[in-house]
C-alpha atoms as a PDB file:
ATOM      1  CA  MET A   1       0.000   0.000   0.000  1.00  0.00           C
ATOM      2  CA  LYS A   2       2.788   2.420   0.928  1.00  0.00           C
ATOM      3  CA  ARG A   3       4.601   1.666  -2.341  1.00  0.00           C
ATOM      4  CA  PHE A   4       1.399   2.305  -4.304  1.00  0.00           C
ATOM      5  CA  VAL A   5       0.735   5.623  -2.530  1.00  0.00           C
ATOM      6  CA  LEU A   6       4.331   6.712  -3.182  1.00  0.00           C
ATOM      7  CA  LEU A   7       3.901   5.759  -6.850  1.00  0.00           C
ATOM      8  CA  MET A   8       0.750   7.864  -7.079  1.00  0.00           C
ATOM      9  CA  PHE A   9       2.560  10.824  -5.470  1.00  0.00           C
ATOM     10  CA  THR A  10       5.327  10.433  -8.032  1.00  0.00           C
ATOM     11  CA  VAL A  11       2.835  10.301 -10.920  1.00  0.00           C
ATOM     12  CA  LEU A  12       1.071  13.421  -9.644  1.00  0.00           C
ATOM     13  CA  PHE A  13       4.436  15.140  -9.248  1.00  0.00           C
ATOM     14  CA  ILE A  14       5.463  14.267 -12.833  1.00  0.00           C
ATOM     15  CA  ILE A  15       2.144  15.534 -14.197  1.00  0.00           C
ATOM     16  CA  PHE A  16       2.477  18.712 -12.133  1.00  0.00           C
ATOM     17  CA  SER A  17       6.034  19.415 -13.217  1.00  0.00           C
ATOM     18  CA  ALA A  18       5.678  18.400 -16.862  1.00  0.00           C
ATOM     19  CA  VAL A  19       4.003  21.682 -17.827  1.00  0.00           C
ATOM     20  CA  SER A  20       7.356  23.378 -18.341  1.00  0.00           C
ATOM     21  CA  VAL A  21      10.687  22.096 -19.612  1.00  0.00           C
ATOM     22  CA  PHE A  22      12.548  25.315 -18.920  1.00  0.00           C
ATOM     23  CA  ALA A  23      14.177  26.244 -15.621  1.00  0.00           C
ATOM     24  CA  ALA A  24      13.034  29.374 -13.844  1.00  0.00           C
ATOM     25  CA  ASP A  25      15.325  32.394 -13.691  1.00  0.00           C
ATOM     26  CA  THR A  26      16.187  32.239  -9.999  1.00  0.00           C
ATOM     27  CA  ASN A  27      19.093  31.917  -7.602  1.00  0.00           C
ATOM     28  CA  GLY A  28      17.750  28.542  -6.575  1.00  0.00           C
ATOM     29  CA  VAL A  29      16.290  27.054  -3.428  1.00  0.00           C
ATOM     30  CA  ALA A  30      18.351  26.427  -0.285  1.00  0.00           C
ATOM     31  CA  PHE A  31      17.216  23.694   2.085  1.00  0.00           C
ATOM     32  CA  LYS A  32      18.479  23.150   5.611  1.00  0.00           C
ATOM     33  CA  THR A  33      18.013  21.221   8.823  1.00  0.00           C
ATOM     34  CA  GLU A  34      19.696  22.051  12.128  1.00  0.00           C
ATOM     35  CA  ASP A  35      21.674  20.168  14.771  1.00  0.00           C
ATOM     36  CA  ILE A  36      19.614  18.508  17.481  1.00  0.00           C
ATOM     37  CA  ASN A  37      20.508  17.276  20.971  1.00  0.00           C
ATOM     38  CA  CYS A  38      18.030  15.068  22.798  1.00  0.00           C
ATOM     39  CA  ASP A  39      17.670  12.353  25.429  1.00  0.00           C
ATOM     40  CA  LYS A  40      17.612   8.666  24.652  1.00  0.00           C
ATOM     41  CA  GLY A  41      14.033   7.400  24.426  1.00  0.00           C
ATOM     42  CA  ARG A  42      12.533  10.727  23.362  1.00  0.00           C
ATOM     43  CA  ILE A  43      10.599  11.733  20.291  1.00  0.00           C
ATOM     44  CA  PHE A  44      12.134  14.774  18.583  1.00  0.00           C
ATOM     45  CA  LYS A  45      11.237  16.869  15.566  1.00  0.00           C
ATOM     46  CA  VAL A  46      13.356  17.814  12.563  1.00  0.00           C
ATOM     47  CA  TYR A  47      12.197  20.952  10.770  1.00  0.00           C
ATOM     48  CA  VAL A  48      13.024  21.007   7.055  1.00  0.00           C
ATOM     49  CA  LYS A  49      13.386  24.649   6.029  1.00  0.00           C
ATOM     50  CA  ALA A  50      13.595  26.203   2.581  1.00  0.00           C
ATOM     51  CA  LYS A  51      14.530  29.667   1.353  1.00  0.00           C
ATOM     52  CA  SER A  52      14.121  31.255  -2.084  1.00  0.00           C
ATOM     53  CA  SER A  53      12.554  34.196  -3.858  1.00  0.00           C
ATOM     54  CA  GLU A  54      10.414  31.647  -5.686  1.00  0.00           C
ATOM     55  CA  LYS A  55       7.307  30.007  -4.276  1.00  0.00           C
ATOM     56  CA  ILE A  56       7.882  26.267  -4.007  1.00  0.00           C
ATOM     57  CA  SER A  57       5.121  23.919  -5.165  1.00  0.00           C
ATOM     58  CA  ALA A  58       6.831  20.530  -5.202  1.00  0.00           C
ATOM     59  CA  VAL A  59      10.078  18.831  -4.241  1.00  0.00           C
ATOM     60  CA  LEU A  60      11.371  15.325  -3.597  1.00  0.00           C
ATOM     61  CA  LEU A  61      13.892  14.542  -0.843  1.00  0.00           C
ATOM     62  CA  LYS A  62      15.883  11.484   0.202  1.00  0.00           C
ATOM     63  CA  PHE A  63      17.131  11.161   3.802  1.00  0.00           C
ATOM     64  CA  THR A  64      19.794   8.818   5.165  1.00  0.00           C
ATOM     65  CA  TYR A  65      20.794   8.417   8.820  1.00  0.00           C
ATOM     66  CA  ASN A  66      22.128   5.935  11.353  1.00  0.00           C
ATOM     67  CA  ARG A  67      19.173   3.637  11.992  1.00  0.00           C
ATOM     68  CA  ASN A  68      20.818   2.188  15.078  1.00  0.00           C
ATOM     69  CA  ILE A  69      20.574   5.587  16.795  1.00  0.00           C
ATOM     70  CA  ILE A  70      17.388   7.221  15.522  1.00  0.00           C
ATOM     71  CA  GLU A  71      14.145   5.796  14.182  1.00  0.00           C
ATOM     72  CA  TYR A  72      11.680   7.490  11.813  1.00  0.00           C
ATOM     73  CA  ARG A  73       8.127   7.871  13.151  1.00  0.00           C
ATOM     74  CA  SER A  74       5.973  10.359  11.206  1.00  0.00           C
ATOM     75  CA  ILE A  75       5.757  13.342   8.866  1.00  0.00           C
ATOM     76  CA  SER A  76       3.560  16.454   8.946  1.00  0.00           C
ATOM     77  CA  THR A  77       3.107  19.731   7.087  1.00  0.00           C
ATOM     78  CA  ASP A  78       0.791  22.749   6.986  1.00  0.00           C
ATOM     79  CA  SER A  79      -2.863  22.395   5.976  1.00  0.00           C
ATOM     80  CA  ASP A  80      -2.224  24.015   2.583  1.00  0.00           C
ATOM     81  CA  SER A  81       0.301  21.326   1.607  1.00  0.00           C
ATOM     82  CA  LEU A  82       0.700  17.571   1.287  1.00  0.00           C
ATOM     83  CA  ALA A  83       3.665  15.536   2.493  1.00  0.00           C
ATOM     84  CA  TYR A  84       4.279  11.798   2.327  1.00  0.00           C
ATOM     85  CA  ALA A  85       7.236   9.680   3.415  1.00  0.00           C
ATOM     86  CA  TYR A  86       8.119   6.136   2.436  1.00  0.00           C
ATOM     87  CA  ASP A  87      10.874   4.256   4.271  1.00  0.00           C
ATOM     88  CA  ASN A  88      12.358   1.504   2.099  1.00  0.00           C
ATOM     89  CA  GLY A  89      14.689   0.288   4.835  1.00  0.00           C
ATOM     90  CA  SER A  90      17.753   2.215   3.711  1.00  0.00           C
ATOM     91  CA  THR A  91      16.418   5.588   2.539  1.00  0.00           C
ATOM     92  CA  LEU A  92      13.551   7.763   3.724  1.00  0.00           C
ATOM     93  CA  ASN A  93      11.875   9.092   0.570  1.00  0.00           C
ATOM     94  CA  VAL A  94       9.826  12.264   1.044  1.00  0.00           C
ATOM     95  CA  SER A  95       7.395  13.955  -1.365  1.00  0.00           C
ATOM     96  CA  TYR A  96       6.124  17.504  -0.815  1.00  0.00           C
ATOM     97  CA  LEU A  97       3.353  19.233  -2.769  1.00  0.00           C
ATOM     98  CA  CYS A  98       1.717  22.649  -2.419  1.00  0.00           C
ATOM     99  CA  LYS A  99      -0.865  23.468  -5.093  1.00  0.00           C
ATOM    100  CA  ASP A 100      -0.704  27.269  -4.866  1.00  0.00           C
ATOM    101  CA  GLY A 101       2.987  27.483  -4.019  1.00  0.00           C
ATOM    102  CA  LYS A 102       4.637  27.993  -0.630  1.00  0.00           C
ATOM    103  CA  ASN A 103       6.207  31.354   0.170  1.00  0.00           C
ATOM    104  CA  ILE A 104       9.732  30.523   1.415  1.00  0.00           C
ATOM    105  CA  ASP A 105      11.485  33.878   1.355  1.00  0.00           C
ATOM    106  CA  ASN A 106      12.557  33.636   5.021  1.00  0.00           C
ATOM    107  CA  ASP A 107      13.749  30.119   5.930  1.00  0.00           C
ATOM    108  CA  THR A 108      10.231  28.707   6.033  1.00  0.00           C
ATOM    109  CA  VAL A 109       9.483  25.283   7.528  1.00  0.00           C
ATOM    110  CA  ILE A 110       7.885  23.264   4.729  1.00  0.00           C
ATOM    111  CA  LEU A 111       7.583  19.955   6.571  1.00  0.00           C
ATOM    112  CA  THR A 112       8.372  18.315   9.905  1.00  0.00           C
ATOM    113  CA  LEU A 113       9.812  14.844  10.488  1.00  0.00           C
ATOM    114  CA  GLU A 114       9.512  13.019  13.791  1.00  0.00           C
ATOM    115  CA  PHE A 115      12.135  10.543  14.984  1.00  0.00           C
ATOM    116  CA  LYS A 116      12.731   8.552  18.139  1.00  0.00           C
ATOM    117  CA  ALA A 117      16.173   8.572  19.775  1.00  0.00           C
ATOM    118  CA  THR A 118      16.769   4.866  20.455  1.00  0.00           C
ATOM    119  CA  THR A 119      20.494   4.679  21.324  1.00  0.00           C
ATOM    120  CA  GLU A 120      23.116   7.067  22.677  1.00  0.00           C
ATOM    121  CA  GLY A 121      25.473   8.417  20.024  1.00  0.00           C
ATOM    122  CA  GLN A 122      25.575  10.727  17.005  1.00  0.00           C
ATOM    123  CA  SER A 123      23.931  10.405  13.622  1.00  0.00           C
ATOM    124  CA  ASN A 124      24.294  12.627  10.579  1.00  0.00           C
ATOM    125  CA  LEU A 125      20.903  13.383   9.054  1.00  0.00           C
ATOM    126  CA  GLN A 126      21.977  13.736   5.450  1.00  0.00           C
ATOM    127  CA  TYR A 127      19.620  14.344   2.555  1.00  0.00           C
ATOM    128  CA  THR A 128      19.408  15.345  -1.087  1.00  0.00           C
ATOM    129  CA  ALA A 129      16.655  17.358  -2.767  1.00  0.00           C
ATOM    130  CA  TYR A 130      15.690  17.102  -6.420  1.00  0.00           C
ATOM    131  CA  ASP A 131      12.899  17.816  -8.939  1.00  0.00           C
ATOM    132  CA  CYS A 132      11.989  21.119  -7.320  1.00  0.00           C
ATOM    133  CA  VAL A 133       9.147  23.063  -8.995  1.00  0.00           C
ATOM    134  CA  ASN A 134       7.848  26.590  -8.394  1.00  0.00           C
ATOM    135  CA  SER A 135       4.259  27.870  -8.451  1.00  0.00           C
ATOM    136  CA  SER A 136       4.481  28.441 -12.226  1.00  0.00           C
ATOM    137  CA  ALA A 137       5.312  24.764 -12.761  1.00  0.00           C
ATOM    138  CA  GLU A 138       8.872  25.668 -13.725  1.00  0.00           C
ATOM    139  CA  SER A 139      11.883  23.659 -12.629  1.00  0.00           C
ATOM    140  CA  VAL A 140      13.908  25.450  -9.959  1.00  0.00           C
ATOM    141  CA  GLU A 141      17.598  24.909  -9.292  1.00  0.00           C
ATOM    142  CA  ILE A 142      18.538  23.602  -5.856  1.00  0.00           C
ATOM    143  CA  SER A 143      21.437  25.710  -4.621  1.00  0.00           C
ATOM    144  CA  GLN A 144      22.139  24.049  -1.245  1.00  0.00           C
ATOM    145  CA  CYS A 145      21.171  21.221   1.079  1.00  0.00           C
ATOM    146  CA  SER A 146      22.566  21.978   4.518  1.00  0.00           C
ATOM    147  CA  SER A 147      22.147  19.043   6.898  1.00  0.00           C
ATOM    148  CA  GLY A 148      22.527  18.831  10.666  1.00  0.00           C
ATOM    149  CA  LYS A 149      23.444  16.037  13.043  1.00  0.00           C
ATOM    150  CA  VAL A 150      21.559  14.410  15.893  1.00  0.00           C
ATOM    151  CA  SER A 151      23.292  13.849  19.242  1.00  0.00           C
ATOM    152  CA  VAL A 152      21.559  11.439  21.602  1.00  0.00           C
ATOM    153  CA  THR A 153      22.557  11.431  25.277  1.00  0.00           C
ATOM    154  CA  LYS A 154      21.286   9.648  28.368  1.00  0.00           C
ATOM    155  CA  GLN A 155      18.053  10.871  29.916  1.00  0.00           C
ATOM    156  CA  GLY A 156      18.327  13.880  32.198  1.00  0.00           C
ATOM    157  CA  SER A 157      21.216  15.483  30.310  1.00  0.00           C
ATOM    158  CA  GLU A 158      21.163  19.248  30.854  1.00  0.00           C
ATOM    159  CA  LYS A 159      22.558  19.877  27.386  1.00  0.00           C
ATOM    160  CA  SER A 160      19.868  17.920  25.603  1.00  0.00           C
ATOM    161  CA  ASN A 161      17.021  19.477  27.579  1.00  0.00           C
ATOM    162  CA  ASP A 162      18.231  23.029  26.927  1.00  0.00           C
ATOM    163  CA  ASN A 163      18.583  22.301  23.215  1.00  0.00           C
ATOM    164  CA  GLU A 164      15.103  20.863  22.929  1.00  0.00           C
ATOM    165  CA  LYS A 165      13.649  23.938  24.649  1.00  0.00           C
ATOM    166  CA  SER A 166      15.513  26.425  22.447  1.00  0.00           C
ATOM    167  CA  ASP A 167      14.638  24.524  19.278  1.00  0.00           C
ATOM    168  CA  THR A 168      10.950  24.623  20.176  1.00  0.00           C
ATOM    169  CA  THR A 169      11.080  28.326  21.042  1.00  0.00           C
ATOM    170  CA  GLU A 170      12.746  29.171  17.739  1.00  0.00           C
ATOM    171  CA  TYR A 171      10.121  27.309  15.735  1.00  0.00           C
ATOM    172  CA  LYS A 172       7.267  29.055  17.566  1.00  0.00           C
ATOM    173  CA  SER A 173       8.816  32.468  16.921  1.00  0.00           C
ATOM    174  CA  GLU A 174       9.306  31.828  13.191  1.00  0.00           C
ATOM    175  CA  ASN A 175       5.740  30.657  12.669  1.00  0.00           C
ATOM    176  CA  ASN A 176       4.055  33.189  15.028  1.00  0.00           C
ATOM    177  CA  GLU A 177       2.022  30.572  16.819  1.00  0.00           C
ATOM    178  CA  SER A 178       1.845  28.932  20.199  1.00  0.00           C
ATOM    179  CA  THR A 179       1.353  25.184  20.303  1.00  0.00           C
ATOM    180  CA  GLY A 180       2.069  24.561  24.010  1.00  0.00           C
ATOM    181  CA  ASN A 181       3.401  21.219  25.102  1.00  0.00           C
ATOM    182  CA  SER A 182       2.783  19.565  21.731  1.00  0.00           C
ATOM    183  CA  GLU A 183       6.030  21.033  20.403  1.00  0.00           C
ATOM    184  CA  LYS A 184       8.147  19.446  23.148  1.00  0.00           C
ATOM    185  CA  SER A 185       9.783  16.061  22.936  1.00  0.00           C
ATOM    186  CA  SER A 186       7.910  13.308  24.724  1.00  0.00           C
ATOM    187  CA  ILE A 187       9.046   9.964  26.106  1.00  0.00           C
ATOM    188  CA  ASP A 188       7.790   7.033  24.049  1.00  0.00           C
ATOM    189  CA  GLU A 189       7.525   4.387  26.775  1.00  0.00           C
ATOM    190  CA  LEU A 190       5.896   1.707  24.626  1.00  0.00           C
ATOM    191  CA  GLY A 191       7.920   2.391  21.507  1.00  0.00           C
ATOM    192  CA  SER A 192       4.863   1.659  19.388  1.00  0.00           C
ATOM    193  CA  LEU A 193       4.125   5.001  17.756  1.00  0.00           C
ATOM    194  CA  ASN A 194       3.742   4.395  14.052  1.00  0.00           C
ATOM    195  CA  GLY A 195       4.252   6.899  11.233  1.00  0.00           C
ATOM    196  CA  LYS A 196       0.971   8.352  10.004  1.00  0.00           C
ATOM    197  CA  PHE A 197      -0.568  11.115   7.975  1.00  0.00           C
ATOM    198  CA  SER A 198      -1.061  14.247  10.037  1.00  0.00           C
ATOM    199  CA  ASP A 199      -4.420  14.909   8.438  1.00  0.00           C
ATOM    200  CA  ASN A 200      -6.965  12.077   8.193  1.00  0.00           C
ATOM    201  CA  THR A 201      -9.025  14.037   5.685  1.00  0.00           C
ATOM    202  CA  VAL A 202      -6.052  14.307   3.342  1.00  0.00           C
ATOM    203  CA  PHE A 203      -5.334  10.628   3.798  1.00  0.00           C
ATOM    204  CA  MET A 204      -8.890   9.635   2.937  1.00  0.00           C
ATOM    205  CA  LEU A 205      -8.825  11.953  -0.073  1.00  0.00           C
ATOM    206  CA  ILE A 206      -5.669  10.294  -1.385  1.00  0.00           C
ATOM    207  CA  VAL A 207      -7.114   6.834  -0.764  1.00  0.00           C
ATOM    208  CA  GLY A 208     -10.295   7.860  -2.588  1.00  0.00           C
ATOM    209  CA  VAL A 209      -8.365   9.154  -5.594  1.00  0.00           C
ATOM    210  CA  ILE A 210      -6.263   5.989  -5.727  1.00  0.00           C
ATOM    211  CA  CYS A 211      -9.336   3.736  -5.449  1.00  0.00           C
ATOM    212  CA  GLY A 212     -11.097   5.742  -8.155  1.00  0.00           C
ATOM    213  CA  LEU A 213      -8.148   5.400 -10.507  1.00  0.00           C
ATOM    214  CA  ALA A 214      -7.897   1.686  -9.769  1.00  0.00           C
ATOM    215  CA  VAL A 215     -11.606   1.139 -10.503  1.00  0.00           C
ATOM    216  CA  GLY A 216     -11.317   3.149 -13.713  1.00  0.00           C
ATOM    217  CA  VAL A 217      -8.351   1.111 -14.934  1.00  0.00           C
ATOM    218  CA  LEU A 218     -10.112  -2.148 -14.032  1.00  0.00           C
ATOM    219  CA  CYS A 219     -13.263  -1.144 -15.913  1.00  0.00           C
ATOM    220  CA  PHE A 220     -11.222  -0.153 -18.959  1.00  0.00           C
ATOM    221  CA  VAL A 221      -9.376  -3.494 -18.946  1.00  0.00           C
ATOM    222  CA  LEU A 222     -12.671  -5.401 -18.636  1.00  0.00           C
ATOM    223  CA  TYR A 223     -14.136  -3.349 -21.487  1.00  0.00           C
ATOM    224  CA  LEU A 224     -11.216  -4.171 -23.759  1.00  0.00           C
ATOM    225  CA  SER A 225     -11.442  -7.844 -22.811  1.00  0.00           C
ATOM    226  CA  VAL A 226     -15.178  -8.055 -23.596  1.00  0.00           C
ATOM    227  CA  LYS A 227     -14.740  -6.138 -26.842  1.00  0.00           C
ATOM    228  CA  LYS A 228     -11.936  -8.455 -27.907  1.00  0.00           C
ATOM    229  CA  ARG A 229     -14.065 -11.535 -27.223  1.00  0.00           C
ATOM    230  CA  LYS A 230     -17.018 -10.129 -29.184  1.00  0.00           C
ATOM    231  CA  ASN A 231     -14.817  -9.287 -32.153  1.00  0.00           C
ATOM    232  CA  LYS A 232     -13.294 -12.759 -32.074  1.00  0.00           C
ATOM    233  CA  ALA A 233     -16.749 -14.398 -31.928  1.00  0.00           C
ATOM    234  CA  LYS A 234     -17.938 -12.219 -34.793  1.00  0.00           C
ATOM    235  CA  GLU A 235     -14.931 -13.167 -36.941  1.00  0.00           C
ATOM    236  CA  GLU A 236     -15.512 -16.878 -36.312  1.00  0.00           C
ATOM    237  CA  LYS A 237     -19.197 -16.474 -37.208  1.00  0.00           C
ATOM    238  CA  ASP A 238     -18.333 -14.685 -40.468  1.00  0.00           C
ATOM    239  CA  ARG A 239     -15.960 -17.473 -41.422  1.00  0.00           C
ATOM    240  CA  HIS A 240     -18.740 -20.056 -41.104  1.00  0.00           C
END
């Protein structure tokens, strides 16, 4: 199911970006994530930021990290956008879409990834971005992908707690909103939190579109099959 959803995202992305074959006249888009310090056993958030004079409408990203230290849990984005992540076991593949284009002229957070710190140590959270498209459906050059590292320490570390607090405060200030305790890391005692869509309505919409396309393809195949059989029967009748 996850592979099929990712395929549909890719198809939609190709259709969306195929309108123009020329690159936009721009200095490009710069992406970045920041260093994070957190306690072992905690859920932490990675904010993927983008900056450009262009409005971004779509981009694909691939993340790699030390899976012995951190574990991917979920992805989320603003209500005006769609974001989906598929973990193939070695790479975390992320798709981002924004129909009307996202204004990213000031290091704007376009999506948020949640991970769990499972083991003490350090992990580089490296990624590449590609197939970036602006609001005019023009290809946009990617000028930079600045990645941070994740440092996991034992629970109760003063350094990790201070970093988590400052990271949350910075995000609230940039987005001019207060989200209370939901922005803080939380201890995952059961370790059973699964990745999910942040918006059930969006999820159901995607499922509905996929089911509709599947039914349409099935009906078309059945139609061709019946038509072929009728033509074959007619040919045999004409021969006799």
